[in-house]
Amino acid sequence: MKKIALAAALSVAASSAFAGGFVEPQMEPEVVKQTTSSSGGVLVPLLLLVVLAAAAAS
């Protein structure tokens, strides 16, 4: 009787371990950071130059 109870307990434990089944792992998509255009770094110095030229002209 003890062997039957042990076998039943082991079968319940084994069936719950495989309840979800096998799922193939999926890769996360790569996150690509979008950069601003290269003109963004040039815009601020150009505006500063225009403001300085306007101040010097007046």
C-alpha atoms as a PDB file:
ATOM      1  CA  MET A   1       0.000   0.000   0.000  1.00  0.00           C
ATOM      2  CA  LYS A   2       2.887   2.352   0.778  1.00  0.00           C
ATOM      3  CA  LYS A   3       4.398   1.720  -2.652  1.00  0.00           C
ATOM      4  CA  ILE A   4       1.128   2.632  -4.366  1.00  0.00           C
ATOM      5  CA  ALA A   5       0.856   5.869  -2.369  1.00  0.00           C
ATOM      6  CA  LEU A   6       4.487   6.719  -3.168  1.00  0.00           C
ATOM      7  CA  ALA A   7       3.954   6.000  -6.865  1.00  0.00           C
ATOM      8  CA  ALA A   8       0.826   8.181  -6.898  1.00  0.00           C
ATOM      9  CA  ALA A   9       2.637  11.054  -5.193  1.00  0.00           C
ATOM     10  CA  LEU A  10       5.550  10.857  -7.624  1.00  0.00           C
ATOM     11  CA  SER A  11       3.259  10.737 -10.650  1.00  0.00           C
ATOM     12  CA  VAL A  12       1.375  13.832  -9.460  1.00  0.00           C
ATOM     13  CA  ALA A  13       4.642  15.675  -8.883  1.00  0.00           C
ATOM     14  CA  ALA A  14       6.001  14.656 -12.281  1.00  0.00           C
ATOM     15  CA  SER A  15       2.835  15.625 -14.151  1.00  0.00           C
ATOM     16  CA  SER A  16       2.775  19.114 -12.611  1.00  0.00           C
ATOM     17  CA  ALA A  17       6.405  19.658 -13.595  1.00  0.00           C
ATOM     18  CA  PHE A  18       5.522  19.158 -17.267  1.00  0.00           C
ATOM     19  CA  ALA A  19       2.124  20.873 -17.156  1.00  0.00           C
ATOM     20  CA  GLY A  20       3.166  23.808 -19.309  1.00  0.00           C
ATOM     21  CA  GLY A  21       4.818  21.756 -21.990  1.00  0.00           C
ATOM     22  CA  PHE A  22       7.894  22.775 -23.941  1.00  0.00           C
ATOM     23  CA  VAL A  23       7.930  26.281 -25.333  1.00  0.00           C
ATOM     24  CA  GLU A  24      10.664  27.296 -27.711  1.00  0.00           C
ATOM     25  CA  PRO A  25      12.524  30.344 -26.377  1.00  0.00           C
ATOM     26  CA  GLN A  26      11.972  33.567 -28.288  1.00  0.00           C
ATOM     27  CA  MET A  27      14.605  36.215 -28.775  1.00  0.00           C
ATOM     28  CA  GLU A  28      13.850  39.787 -27.745  1.00  0.00           C
ATOM     29  CA  PRO A  29      13.959  42.242 -30.644  1.00  0.00           C
ATOM     30  CA  GLU A  30      16.976  44.513 -30.613  1.00  0.00           C
ATOM     31  CA  VAL A  31      16.288  48.062 -29.562  1.00  0.00           C
ATOM     32  CA  VAL A  32      17.815  50.487 -32.010  1.00  0.00           C
ATOM     33  CA  LYS A  33      18.348  53.964 -30.661  1.00  0.00           C
ATOM     34  CA  GLN A  34      17.518  56.614 -33.181  1.00  0.00           C
ATOM     35  CA  THR A  35      20.007  59.404 -33.299  1.00  0.00           C
ATOM     36  CA  THR A  36      19.223  62.948 -34.306  1.00  0.00           C
ATOM     37  CA  SER A  37      20.457  64.262 -37.583  1.00  0.00           C
ATOM     38  CA  SER A  38      23.992  65.581 -37.751  1.00  0.00           C
ATOM     39  CA  SER A  39      22.723  69.108 -38.418  1.00  0.00           C
ATOM     40  CA  GLY A  40      21.368  69.285 -34.854  1.00  0.00           C
ATOM     41  CA  GLY A  41      24.865  69.738 -33.465  1.00  0.00           C
ATOM     42  CA  VAL A  42      25.654  72.510 -35.946  1.00  0.00           C
ATOM     43  CA  LEU A  43      22.457  74.506 -35.499  1.00  0.00           C
ATOM     44  CA  VAL A  44      23.197  75.931 -32.031  1.00  0.00           C
ATOM     45  CA  PRO A  45      26.689  77.294 -32.876  1.00  0.00           C
ATOM     46  CA  LEU A  46      25.346  78.836 -36.095  1.00  0.00           C
ATOM     47  CA  LEU A  47      22.536  80.587 -34.221  1.00  0.00           C
ATOM     48  CA  LEU A  48      25.035  81.837 -31.648  1.00  0.00           C
ATOM     49  CA  LEU A  49      27.227  83.192 -34.448  1.00  0.00           C
ATOM     50  CA  VAL A  50      24.255  85.005 -36.014  1.00  0.00           C
ATOM     51  CA  VAL A  51      23.294  86.556 -32.665  1.00  0.00           C
ATOM     52  CA  LEU A  52      26.882  87.697 -32.050  1.00  0.00           C
ATOM     53  CA  ALA A  53      27.141  89.164 -35.545  1.00  0.00           C
ATOM     54  CA  ALA A  54      23.847  91.027 -35.049  1.00  0.00           C
ATOM     55  CA  ALA A  55      25.050  92.374 -31.711  1.00  0.00           C
ATOM     56  CA  ALA A  56      28.371  93.494 -33.208  1.00  0.00           C
ATOM     57  CA  ALA A  57      26.643  95.215 -36.137  1.00  0.00           C
ATOM     58  CA  SER A  58      24.391  97.328 -33.923  1.00  0.00           C
END
